Amino acid sequence: MDLPESPQSARAWVARVFTAVEDVIYVGLGILLAGSSFILLVSGLINFGQNLMAGSLATNIVGLLDRILLILLVVELMYTVQVSFRERILIPEPFLLVGLIAVIRRVLVLTAELAQVHDKPDEVFRRFILELGVLTIMIVALVVSLVLLRKRKGKVAAERAMGTKSTTPSERVDSL
């Protein structure tokens, strides 16, 4: 690489180097996530087959659903990396979906563990219920956020189609 001669070209050169490093990291992350999701899928299929043959699928369904949700979580992370790599921006929807899947996974595990908590002291039961309540609030907040973002995206698309421009808060401040 040629070294820059002026401060402006130095900034452009540094920006290109950082962009190249960022691309390499995104590709590496994508490969790791793809490999992880593939391994999780194969092991999940093997586990499913073993439980099916042993006749224990009904008792192990929570573990299977947990594995499926983990695979979905990794795939959503992979999608987030792909969008970030392609668009060069961070889009909030994939992160919200990852959070939603993670919370649903925890609710699933928690409700499965709740069946065994009847032998424990009341304080343990209260903690389980409190955590379940907090997780429920998180689910509602994440779903509302996703709905609001999708409505906003539809509004921006409609404004583009009509030829009007939507302004961001930073654009409104810049215009003052």
Protein backbone atom coordinates (compact mmCIF):
# COMPACT_ATOMS: atom_id res chain seq x y z
CA MET A 1 0.00 0.00 0.00
CA ASP A 2 1.17 3.47 -0.80
CA LEU A 3 1.52 5.78 2.14
CA PRO A 4 -0.62 8.94 1.97
CA GLU A 5 0.89 12.31 1.22
CA SER A 6 -1.68 14.72 2.70
CA PRO A 7 -3.69 14.62 5.95
CA GLN A 8 -6.91 14.13 3.96
CA SER A 9 -5.49 11.17 2.04
CA ALA A 10 -4.05 9.84 5.33
CA ARG A 11 -7.56 9.77 6.79
CA ALA A 12 -8.91 8.00 3.71
CA TRP A 13 -6.05 5.48 3.86
CA VAL A 14 -6.68 4.75 7.57
CA ALA A 15 -10.42 4.43 6.89
CA ARG A 16 -9.74 1.90 4.09
CA VAL A 17 -7.45 -0.12 6.38
CA PHE A 18 -10.05 -0.16 9.16
CA THR A 19 -12.74 -1.16 6.65
CA ALA A 20 -10.60 -4.05 5.43
CA VAL A 21 -9.96 -5.21 9.02
CA GLU A 22 -13.67 -4.92 9.78
CA ASP A 23 -14.51 -7.01 6.70
CA VAL A 24 -12.06 -9.75 7.73
CA ILE A 25 -13.54 -9.83 11.24
CA TYR A 26 -17.12 -9.99 9.92
CA VAL A 27 -16.20 -12.85 7.58
CA GLY A 28 -14.50 -14.69 10.46
CA LEU A 29 -17.52 -14.18 12.71
CA GLY A 30 -19.83 -15.37 9.95
CA ILE A 31 -17.78 -18.54 9.46
CA LEU A 32 -17.70 -19.26 13.20
CA LEU A 33 -21.45 -18.70 13.55
CA ALA A 34 -22.25 -20.80 10.48
CA GLY A 35 -20.08 -23.65 11.74
CA SER A 36 -21.60 -23.43 15.20
CA SER A 37 -25.16 -23.46 13.89
CA PHE A 38 -24.40 -26.39 11.60
CA ILE A 39 -22.85 -28.41 14.46
CA LEU A 40 -25.79 -27.56 16.74
CA LEU A 41 -28.23 -28.64 14.03
CA VAL A 42 -26.48 -31.96 13.38
CA SER A 43 -26.17 -32.77 17.09
CA GLY A 44 -29.82 -31.77 17.57
CA LEU A 45 -30.90 -34.10 14.76
CA ILE A 46 -28.85 -36.94 16.27
CA ASN A 47 -30.34 -36.25 19.71
CA PHE A 48 -33.84 -36.14 18.21
CA GLY A 49 -33.29 -39.48 16.46
CA GLN A 50 -31.92 -41.11 19.61
CA ASN A 51 -34.84 -39.86 21.71
CA LEU A 52 -37.32 -40.95 19.04
CA MET A 53 -35.87 -44.46 18.86
CA ALA A 54 -35.69 -44.74 22.65
CA GLY A 55 -39.28 -43.54 23.02
CA SER A 56 -38.18 -40.69 25.29
CA LEU A 57 -38.98 -37.79 22.97
CA ALA A 58 -41.91 -36.58 25.09
CA THR A 59 -39.77 -36.33 28.23
CA ASN A 60 -36.92 -34.59 26.40
CA ILE A 61 -38.97 -32.18 24.29
CA VAL A 62 -37.98 -29.14 26.40
CA GLY A 63 -34.31 -29.83 25.73
CA LEU A 64 -35.05 -30.22 22.03
CA LEU A 65 -36.99 -26.93 21.93
CA ASP A 66 -34.15 -25.24 23.80
CA ARG A 67 -31.70 -26.54 21.18
CA ILE A 68 -33.94 -25.33 18.33
CA LEU A 69 -34.17 -21.86 19.88
CA LEU A 70 -30.40 -21.79 20.37
CA ILE A 71 -29.94 -22.61 16.68
CA LEU A 72 -32.37 -19.82 15.77
CA LEU A 73 -30.45 -17.44 18.01
CA VAL A 74 -27.13 -18.29 16.31
CA VAL A 75 -28.71 -17.99 12.85
CA GLU A 76 -30.12 -14.56 13.76
CA LEU A 77 -26.67 -13.50 14.95
CA MET A 78 -25.26 -14.72 11.65
CA TYR A 79 -27.90 -12.69 9.79
CA THR A 80 -26.95 -9.64 11.86
CA VAL A 81 -23.29 -10.09 10.89
CA GLN A 82 -24.28 -10.52 7.23
CA VAL A 83 -26.41 -7.36 7.23
CA SER A 84 -23.69 -5.39 9.00
CA PHE A 85 -21.14 -6.62 6.45
CA ARG A 86 -23.34 -5.89 3.44
CA GLU A 87 -24.98 -2.62 4.49
CA ARG A 88 -22.17 -1.19 6.65
CA ILE A 89 -24.77 -0.13 9.23
CA LEU A 90 -26.20 -1.67 12.37
CA ILE A 91 -29.88 -2.46 12.07
CA PRO A 92 -31.69 -2.90 15.40
CA GLU A 93 -34.27 -5.54 14.38
CA PRO A 94 -31.89 -8.53 14.32
CA PHE A 95 -30.56 -7.61 17.77
CA LEU A 96 -34.10 -7.35 19.11
CA LEU A 97 -34.95 -10.73 17.58
CA VAL A 98 -31.85 -12.29 19.18
CA GLY A 99 -32.90 -10.81 22.52
CA LEU A 100 -36.46 -12.09 22.07
CA ILE A 101 -35.26 -15.60 21.24
CA ALA A 102 -32.89 -15.57 24.23
CA VAL A 103 -35.67 -14.47 26.59
CA ILE A 104 -38.06 -17.09 25.21
CA ARG A 105 -35.34 -19.73 25.69
CA ARG A 106 -34.96 -18.68 29.31
CA VAL A 107 -38.74 -18.77 29.86
CA LEU A 108 -38.83 -22.28 28.40
CA VAL A 109 -36.02 -23.51 30.64
CA LEU A 110 -37.47 -21.72 33.67
CA THR A 111 -40.93 -23.23 33.23
CA ALA A 112 -39.37 -26.68 32.84
CA GLU A 113 -37.40 -26.15 36.07
CA LEU A 114 -40.51 -24.82 37.81
CA ALA A 115 -41.99 -28.32 37.81
CA GLN A 116 -39.22 -29.49 40.16
CA VAL A 117 -39.37 -26.47 42.48
CA HIS A 118 -42.37 -27.69 44.51
CA ASP A 119 -40.01 -29.50 46.90
CA LYS A 120 -37.97 -26.33 47.52
CA PRO A 121 -38.64 -23.54 50.04
CA ASP A 122 -41.14 -20.78 49.21
CA GLU A 123 -38.32 -18.27 48.62
CA VAL A 124 -37.05 -20.30 45.66
CA PHE A 125 -40.57 -20.38 44.21
CA ARG A 126 -40.88 -16.58 44.65
CA ARG A 127 -37.59 -16.06 42.79
CA PHE A 128 -38.79 -18.23 39.95
CA ILE A 129 -42.04 -16.27 39.70
CA LEU A 130 -40.19 -12.94 39.91
CA GLU A 131 -37.82 -13.97 37.13
CA LEU A 132 -40.74 -15.17 35.03
CA GLY A 133 -42.46 -11.80 35.54
CA VAL A 134 -39.35 -9.86 34.54
CA LEU A 135 -38.91 -12.07 31.46
CA THR A 136 -42.55 -11.48 30.51
CA ILE A 137 -42.02 -7.72 30.72
CA MET A 138 -38.90 -8.08 28.57
CA ILE A 139 -40.84 -10.05 25.96
CA VAL A 140 -43.54 -7.39 25.80
CA ALA A 141 -40.93 -4.61 25.54
CA LEU A 142 -39.02 -6.40 22.76
CA VAL A 143 -42.19 -7.15 20.79
CA VAL A 144 -43.42 -3.55 21.13
CA SER A 145 -39.98 -2.32 19.98
CA LEU A 146 -40.08 -4.60 16.95
CA VAL A 147 -43.61 -3.48 16.04
CA LEU A 148 -42.69 0.20 16.38
CA LEU A 149 -39.55 -0.25 14.27
CA ARG A 150 -41.47 -2.05 11.55
CA LYS A 151 -44.16 0.64 11.52
CA ARG A 152 -41.43 3.29 11.25
CA LYS A 153 -39.77 1.36 8.44
CA GLY A 154 -43.10 1.21 6.59
CA LYS A 155 -43.58 4.96 7.06
CA VAL A 156 -40.09 5.70 5.72
CA ALA A 157 -40.70 3.44 2.71
CA ALA A 158 -44.02 5.20 2.00
CA GLU A 159 -42.34 8.62 2.23
CA ARG A 160 -39.65 7.50 -0.20
CA ALA A 161 -42.28 6.21 -2.61
CA MET A 162 -44.14 9.54 -2.45
CA GLY A 163 -40.95 11.55 -2.85
CA THR A 164 -41.06 13.16 0.59
CA LYS A 165 -38.09 12.87 2.92
CA SER A 166 -38.18 11.68 6.50
CA THR A 167 -35.69 13.42 8.74
CA THR A 168 -33.80 11.83 11.57
CA PRO A 169 -33.33 13.64 14.87
CA SER A 170 -29.70 14.42 13.94
CA GLU A 171 -30.79 15.85 10.58
CA ARG A 172 -33.32 18.09 12.34
CA VAL A 173 -30.62 19.37 14.71
CA ASP A 174 -28.22 19.95 11.78
CA SER A 175 -30.81 22.03 9.96
CA LEU A 176 -31.20 24.46 12.89
